[in-house]
Amino acid sequence: MSTIATTPNVEWKMPDRGRVGVICLITTETALFTIFVVAYLFYIGKSLTGPYPKDVLEFPVWATIALLSSSITVFMAEHSVKHGRMGAFKLWLGLTILLGAEFLRQTGIEWYQLIEHDHLTITTNLFGTTFYSLVGLHASHVTIGLILLLLTLLISFGGGMRTQARRFEFLSWYWHFVDGVWIVVFTVVYIVGK
């Protein structure tokens, strides 16, 4: 006689809508960035006139350090808010905002140099078009992230973040995504494309 094993009656739960929403957003954004990266790679070396990447691009070392460090500070902010340490949360979140703003400042300095001194604009050649499109797309995502982080910081000063650890976790996922995309953009533009 064989015995039939019965499994306990497990109730299925709907997945968290916030998690699903952020995962869908990140997946969509990954597809968008993939298109821009592929376009950049496709057009490498196809500009008929200069300036060319090897002539004008310098490694944005400090900008990269600032942005990648902000992944550490946003992680620390997330950890702090989950444990109810609001003072530490505000500190780490403020540092994240400053590091992200420094990244954008460095990007602005680079673009000023490229436009004013090297005469590379989005209409100069294929390199200019693909460079500003890809790096600009990333910079726009950093800007959106900074706006959301700044709003979160302002809300935290009013005491509104004590019960919002889950939502901040989703925002930190977005920020980590933006940082991860920078690693790809940096590699494609400043290493492979140079």
C-alpha atoms as a PDB file:
ATOM      1  CA  MET A   1       0.000   0.000   0.000  1.00  0.00           C
ATOM      2  CA  SER A   2       1.453   3.346  -0.983  1.00  0.00           C
ATOM      3  CA  THR A   3       0.952   6.488   0.931  1.00  0.00           C
ATOM      4  CA  ILE A   4       0.174   9.675  -0.843  1.00  0.00           C
ATOM      5  CA  ALA A   5       1.986  12.637   0.531  1.00  0.00           C
ATOM      6  CA  THR A   6      -0.186  15.611   1.015  1.00  0.00           C
ATOM      7  CA  THR A   7       1.159  19.065   0.900  1.00  0.00           C
ATOM      8  CA  PRO A   8      -0.028  21.620   3.358  1.00  0.00           C
ATOM      9  CA  ASN A   9      -2.570  24.016   1.985  1.00  0.00           C
ATOM     10  CA  VAL A  10      -0.412  27.018   1.072  1.00  0.00           C
ATOM     11  CA  GLU A  11      -2.247  30.185   0.267  1.00  0.00           C
ATOM     12  CA  TRP A  12      -0.906  32.100  -2.708  1.00  0.00           C
ATOM     13  CA  LYS A  13      -0.363  35.805  -2.190  1.00  0.00           C
ATOM     14  CA  MET A  14      -0.303  38.511  -4.809  1.00  0.00           C
ATOM     15  CA  PRO A  15       3.198  39.895  -5.332  1.00  0.00           C
ATOM     16  CA  ASP A  16       3.862  43.324  -3.890  1.00  0.00           C
ATOM     17  CA  ARG A  17       2.606  45.864  -6.446  1.00  0.00           C
ATOM     18  CA  GLY A  18       5.386  48.292  -5.609  1.00  0.00           C
ATOM     19  CA  ARG A  19       8.079  45.691  -6.215  1.00  0.00           C
ATOM     20  CA  VAL A  20       6.467  44.582  -9.469  1.00  0.00           C
ATOM     21  CA  GLY A  21       6.121  48.191 -10.602  1.00  0.00           C
ATOM     22  CA  VAL A  22       9.745  49.083  -9.896  1.00  0.00           C
ATOM     23  CA  ILE A  23      10.998  45.873 -11.507  1.00  0.00           C
ATOM     24  CA  CYS A  24       8.929  46.655 -14.614  1.00  0.00           C
ATOM     25  CA  LEU A  25      10.272  50.219 -14.661  1.00  0.00           C
ATOM     26  CA  ILE A  26      13.870  49.048 -14.366  1.00  0.00           C
ATOM     27  CA  THR A  27      13.322  46.404 -17.052  1.00  0.00           C
ATOM     28  CA  THR A  28      11.884  49.007 -19.421  1.00  0.00           C
ATOM     29  CA  GLU A  29      14.705  51.436 -18.686  1.00  0.00           C
ATOM     30  CA  THR A  30      17.249  48.664 -19.268  1.00  0.00           C
ATOM     31  CA  ALA A  31      15.747  48.066 -22.713  1.00  0.00           C
ATOM     32  CA  LEU A  32      15.918  51.797 -23.477  1.00  0.00           C
ATOM     33  CA  PHE A  33      19.546  52.080 -22.415  1.00  0.00           C
ATOM     34  CA  THR A  34      20.390  48.930 -24.375  1.00  0.00           C
ATOM     35  CA  ILE A  35      19.109  50.592 -27.552  1.00  0.00           C
ATOM     36  CA  PHE A  36      21.279  53.666 -26.942  1.00  0.00           C
ATOM     37  CA  VAL A  37      24.356  51.581 -26.072  1.00  0.00           C
ATOM     38  CA  VAL A  38      23.940  49.438 -29.208  1.00  0.00           C
ATOM     39  CA  ALA A  39      23.572  52.593 -31.326  1.00  0.00           C
ATOM     40  CA  TYR A  40      26.740  54.037 -29.790  1.00  0.00           C
ATOM     41  CA  LEU A  41      28.649  50.821 -30.435  1.00  0.00           C
ATOM     42  CA  PHE A  42      27.296  50.564 -33.983  1.00  0.00           C
ATOM     43  CA  TYR A  43      28.461  54.068 -34.898  1.00  0.00           C
ATOM     44  CA  ILE A  44      31.923  53.897 -33.278  1.00  0.00           C
ATOM     45  CA  GLY A  45      34.502  55.002 -35.824  1.00  0.00           C
ATOM     46  CA  LYS A  46      31.944  56.003 -38.456  1.00  0.00           C
ATOM     47  CA  SER A  47      32.282  59.778 -38.069  1.00  0.00           C
ATOM     48  CA  LEU A  48      33.722  61.249 -41.248  1.00  0.00           C
ATOM     49  CA  THR A  49      34.935  64.407 -39.533  1.00  0.00           C
ATOM     50  CA  GLY A  50      36.380  65.157 -36.111  1.00  0.00           C
ATOM     51  CA  PRO A  51      36.653  65.659 -33.312  1.00  0.00           C
ATOM     52  CA  TYR A  52      36.955  61.974 -32.489  1.00  0.00           C
ATOM     53  CA  PRO A  53      36.647  60.339 -29.050  1.00  0.00           C
ATOM     54  CA  LYS A  54      40.395  59.750 -28.705  1.00  0.00           C
ATOM     55  CA  ASP A  55      40.995  63.457 -29.329  1.00  0.00           C
ATOM     56  CA  VAL A  56      38.588  64.932 -26.788  1.00  0.00           C
ATOM     57  CA  LEU A  57      37.460  62.436 -24.148  1.00  0.00           C
ATOM     58  CA  GLU A  58      39.139  62.174 -20.779  1.00  0.00           C
ATOM     59  CA  PHE A  59      38.270  59.592 -18.149  1.00  0.00           C
ATOM     60  CA  PRO A  60      35.693  61.087 -15.757  1.00  0.00           C
ATOM     61  CA  VAL A  61      37.390  59.516 -12.754  1.00  0.00           C
ATOM     62  CA  TRP A  62      36.115  61.848 -10.039  1.00  0.00           C
ATOM     63  CA  ALA A  63      32.554  61.833 -11.443  1.00  0.00           C
ATOM     64  CA  THR A  64      32.596  58.036 -11.495  1.00  0.00           C
ATOM     65  CA  ILE A  65      33.917  57.796  -7.940  1.00  0.00           C
ATOM     66  CA  ALA A  66      31.214  60.225  -6.758  1.00  0.00           C
ATOM     67  CA  LEU A  67      28.379  58.356  -8.448  1.00  0.00           C
ATOM     68  CA  LEU A  68      29.479  54.867  -7.474  1.00  0.00           C
ATOM     69  CA  SER A  69      30.074  56.016  -3.882  1.00  0.00           C
ATOM     70  CA  SER A  70      26.491  57.211  -3.808  1.00  0.00           C
ATOM     71  CA  SER A  71      25.377  53.578  -4.064  1.00  0.00           C
ATOM     72  CA  ILE A  72      27.058  52.988  -0.716  1.00  0.00           C
ATOM     73  CA  THR A  73      25.455  56.034   0.886  1.00  0.00           C
ATOM     74  CA  VAL A  74      21.972  55.229  -0.442  1.00  0.00           C
ATOM     75  CA  PHE A  75      22.375  51.678   0.899  1.00  0.00           C
ATOM     76  CA  MET A  76      23.296  53.125   4.293  1.00  0.00           C
ATOM     77  CA  ALA A  77      20.282  55.459   4.136  1.00  0.00           C
ATOM     78  CA  GLU A  78      18.023  52.514   3.326  1.00  0.00           C
ATOM     79  CA  HIS A  79      19.482  50.503   6.212  1.00  0.00           C
ATOM     80  CA  SER A  80      19.005  53.466   8.564  1.00  0.00           C
ATOM     81  CA  VAL A  81      15.364  54.097   7.673  1.00  0.00           C
ATOM     82  CA  LYS A  82      14.554  50.379   8.025  1.00  0.00           C
ATOM     83  CA  HIS A  83      15.909  50.488  11.568  1.00  0.00           C
ATOM     84  CA  GLY A  84      14.210  53.762  12.464  1.00  0.00           C
ATOM     85  CA  ARG A  85      17.428  55.755  12.765  1.00  0.00           C
ATOM     86  CA  MET A  86      16.115  58.927  11.160  1.00  0.00           C
ATOM     87  CA  GLY A  87      19.126  61.123  11.958  1.00  0.00           C
ATOM     88  CA  ALA A  88      21.454  58.685  10.215  1.00  0.00           C
ATOM     89  CA  PHE A  89      18.946  58.332   7.384  1.00  0.00           C
ATOM     90  CA  LYS A  90      18.971  62.078   6.736  1.00  0.00           C
ATOM     91  CA  LEU A  91      22.766  62.185   6.885  1.00  0.00           C
ATOM     92  CA  TRP A  92      23.268  59.307   4.435  1.00  0.00           C
ATOM     93  CA  LEU A  93      20.526  60.582   2.149  1.00  0.00           C
ATOM     94  CA  GLY A  94      22.068  64.060   2.154  1.00  0.00           C
ATOM     95  CA  LEU A  95      25.450  62.576   1.246  1.00  0.00           C
ATOM     96  CA  THR A  96      23.830  60.594  -1.572  1.00  0.00           C
ATOM     97  CA  ILE A  97      22.303  63.785  -2.950  1.00  0.00           C
ATOM     98  CA  LEU A  98      25.613  65.648  -2.730  1.00  0.00           C
ATOM     99  CA  LEU A  99      27.480  62.843  -4.517  1.00  0.00           C
ATOM    100  CA  GLY A 100      24.836  62.660  -7.253  1.00  0.00           C
ATOM    101  CA  ALA A 101      24.917  66.433  -7.663  1.00  0.00           C
ATOM    102  CA  GLU A 102      28.715  66.325  -7.924  1.00  0.00           C
ATOM    103  CA  PHE A 103      28.402  63.743 -10.682  1.00  0.00           C
ATOM    104  CA  LEU A 104      26.076  66.069 -12.605  1.00  0.00           C
ATOM    105  CA  ARG A 105      28.384  69.036 -11.977  1.00  0.00           C
ATOM    106  CA  GLN A 106      31.318  67.084 -13.375  1.00  0.00           C
ATOM    107  CA  THR A 107      29.218  66.063 -16.394  1.00  0.00           C
ATOM    108  CA  GLY A 108      28.376  69.733 -16.973  1.00  0.00           C
ATOM    109  CA  ILE A 109      32.061  70.681 -16.787  1.00  0.00           C
ATOM    110  CA  GLU A 110      32.913  67.944 -19.279  1.00  0.00           C
ATOM    111  CA  TRP A 111      30.181  69.059 -21.680  1.00  0.00           C
ATOM    112  CA  TYR A 112      31.254  72.708 -21.413  1.00  0.00           C
ATOM    113  CA  GLN A 113      34.793  71.696 -22.344  1.00  0.00           C
ATOM    114  CA  LEU A 114      33.582  69.556 -25.239  1.00  0.00           C
ATOM    115  CA  ILE A 115      31.224  72.219 -26.623  1.00  0.00           C
ATOM    116  CA  GLU A 116      33.208  75.406 -26.033  1.00  0.00           C
ATOM    117  CA  HIS A 117      36.787  74.246 -26.487  1.00  0.00           C
ATOM    118  CA  ASP A 118      36.579  71.102 -28.616  1.00  0.00           C
ATOM    119  CA  HIS A 119      33.556  72.236 -30.676  1.00  0.00           C
ATOM    120  CA  LEU A 120      31.786  68.925 -30.251  1.00  0.00           C
ATOM    121  CA  THR A 121      28.019  69.332 -30.226  1.00  0.00           C
ATOM    122  CA  ILE A 122      25.197  66.906 -30.804  1.00  0.00           C
ATOM    123  CA  THR A 123      25.165  67.960 -34.493  1.00  0.00           C
ATOM    124  CA  THR A 124      28.927  67.923 -35.147  1.00  0.00           C
ATOM    125  CA  ASN A 125      29.206  64.278 -36.232  1.00  0.00           C
ATOM    126  CA  LEU A 126      27.967  60.774 -35.421  1.00  0.00           C
ATOM    127  CA  PHE A 127      30.202  60.637 -32.371  1.00  0.00           C
ATOM    128  CA  GLY A 128      28.681  63.865 -31.004  1.00  0.00           C
ATOM    129  CA  THR A 129      25.157  62.646 -31.672  1.00  0.00           C
ATOM    130  CA  THR A 130      25.584  59.266 -30.019  1.00  0.00           C
ATOM    131  CA  PHE A 131      27.755  60.599 -27.176  1.00  0.00           C
ATOM    132  CA  TYR A 132      25.340  63.315 -26.055  1.00  0.00           C
ATOM    133  CA  SER A 133      22.338  61.024 -26.561  1.00  0.00           C
ATOM    134  CA  LEU A 134      23.730  58.216 -24.409  1.00  0.00           C
ATOM    135  CA  VAL A 135      25.444  60.287 -21.723  1.00  0.00           C
ATOM    136  CA  GLY A 136      22.541  62.761 -21.733  1.00  0.00           C
ATOM    137  CA  LEU A 137      20.019  59.964 -21.266  1.00  0.00           C
ATOM    138  CA  HIS A 138      21.973  58.786 -18.259  1.00  0.00           C
ATOM    139  CA  ALA A 139      22.331  62.318 -16.862  1.00  0.00           C
ATOM    140  CA  SER A 140      18.569  62.815 -17.178  1.00  0.00           C
ATOM    141  CA  HIS A 141      18.008  59.676 -15.102  1.00  0.00           C
ATOM    142  CA  VAL A 142      20.453  60.910 -12.466  1.00  0.00           C
ATOM    143  CA  THR A 143      18.548  64.212 -12.408  1.00  0.00           C
ATOM    144  CA  ILE A 144      15.201  62.445 -11.916  1.00  0.00           C
ATOM    145  CA  GLY A 145      16.727  60.335  -9.154  1.00  0.00           C
ATOM    146  CA  LEU A 146      18.141  63.416  -7.437  1.00  0.00           C
ATOM    147  CA  ILE A 147      14.780  65.162  -7.537  1.00  0.00           C
ATOM    148  CA  LEU A 148      13.127  62.141  -5.926  1.00  0.00           C
ATOM    149  CA  LEU A 149      15.888  61.840  -3.315  1.00  0.00           C
ATOM    150  CA  LEU A 150      15.635  65.552  -2.502  1.00  0.00           C
ATOM    151  CA  LEU A 151      11.852  65.311  -2.117  1.00  0.00           C
ATOM    152  CA  THR A 152      12.377  62.327   0.172  1.00  0.00           C
ATOM    153  CA  LEU A 153      14.830  64.314   2.271  1.00  0.00           C
ATOM    154  CA  LEU A 154      12.363  67.183   2.573  1.00  0.00           C
ATOM    155  CA  ILE A 155       9.598  64.776   3.585  1.00  0.00           C
ATOM    156  CA  SER A 156      11.900  63.248   6.192  1.00  0.00           C
ATOM    157  CA  PHE A 157      12.359  66.626   7.879  1.00  0.00           C
ATOM    158  CA  GLY A 158       8.595  66.697   8.391  1.00  0.00           C
ATOM    159  CA  GLY A 159       8.707  63.244   9.985  1.00  0.00           C
ATOM    160  CA  GLY A 160       6.975  61.596   7.054  1.00  0.00           C
ATOM    161  CA  MET A 161       9.559  58.881   6.358  1.00  0.00           C
ATOM    162  CA  ARG A 162       9.230  56.875   9.564  1.00  0.00           C
ATOM    163  CA  THR A 163       6.742  54.493   7.967  1.00  0.00           C
ATOM    164  CA  GLN A 164       8.034  54.668   4.407  1.00  0.00           C
ATOM    165  CA  ALA A 165      11.042  52.312   4.467  1.00  0.00           C
ATOM    166  CA  ARG A 166       9.432  50.107   1.816  1.00  0.00           C
ATOM    167  CA  ARG A 167       9.001  53.015  -0.588  1.00  0.00           C
ATOM    168  CA  PHE A 168      12.509  54.246   0.021  1.00  0.00           C
ATOM    169  CA  GLU A 169      13.777  50.759  -0.772  1.00  0.00           C
ATOM    170  CA  PHE A 170      12.203  51.086  -4.226  1.00  0.00           C
ATOM    171  CA  LEU A 171      13.836  54.470  -4.742  1.00  0.00           C
ATOM    172  CA  SER A 172      17.198  53.010  -3.737  1.00  0.00           C
ATOM    173  CA  TRP A 173      16.720  50.246  -6.338  1.00  0.00           C
ATOM    174  CA  TYR A 174      16.296  52.939  -8.964  1.00  0.00           C
ATOM    175  CA  TRP A 175      19.433  54.726  -7.738  1.00  0.00           C
ATOM    176  CA  HIS A 176      21.457  51.505  -7.826  1.00  0.00           C
ATOM    177  CA  PHE A 177      20.158  50.936 -11.365  1.00  0.00           C
ATOM    178  CA  VAL A 178      21.343  54.400 -12.424  1.00  0.00           C
ATOM    179  CA  ASP A 179      24.757  53.657 -10.920  1.00  0.00           C
ATOM    180  CA  GLY A 180      24.915  50.276 -12.652  1.00  0.00           C
ATOM    181  CA  VAL A 181      24.026  51.851 -15.980  1.00  0.00           C
ATOM    182  CA  TRP A 182      26.902  54.300 -15.492  1.00  0.00           C
ATOM    183  CA  ILE A 183      29.335  51.381 -15.327  1.00  0.00           C
ATOM    184  CA  VAL A 184      28.076  50.251 -18.749  1.00  0.00           C
ATOM    185  CA  VAL A 185      28.079  53.782 -20.196  1.00  0.00           C
ATOM    186  CA  PHE A 186      31.563  54.477 -18.820  1.00  0.00           C
ATOM    187  CA  THR A 187      32.895  51.224 -20.275  1.00  0.00           C
ATOM    188  CA  VAL A 188      31.309  51.742 -23.695  1.00  0.00           C
ATOM    189  CA  VAL A 189      32.078  55.453 -24.101  1.00  0.00           C
ATOM    190  CA  TYR A 190      35.372  55.977 -22.312  1.00  0.00           C
ATOM    191  CA  ILE A 191      37.074  52.590 -22.748  1.00  0.00           C
ATOM    192  CA  VAL A 192      35.664  50.674 -25.741  1.00  0.00           C
ATOM    193  CA  GLY A 193      34.756  53.739 -27.801  1.00  0.00           C
ATOM    194  CA  LYS A 194      37.958  55.631 -27.240  1.00  0.00           C
END
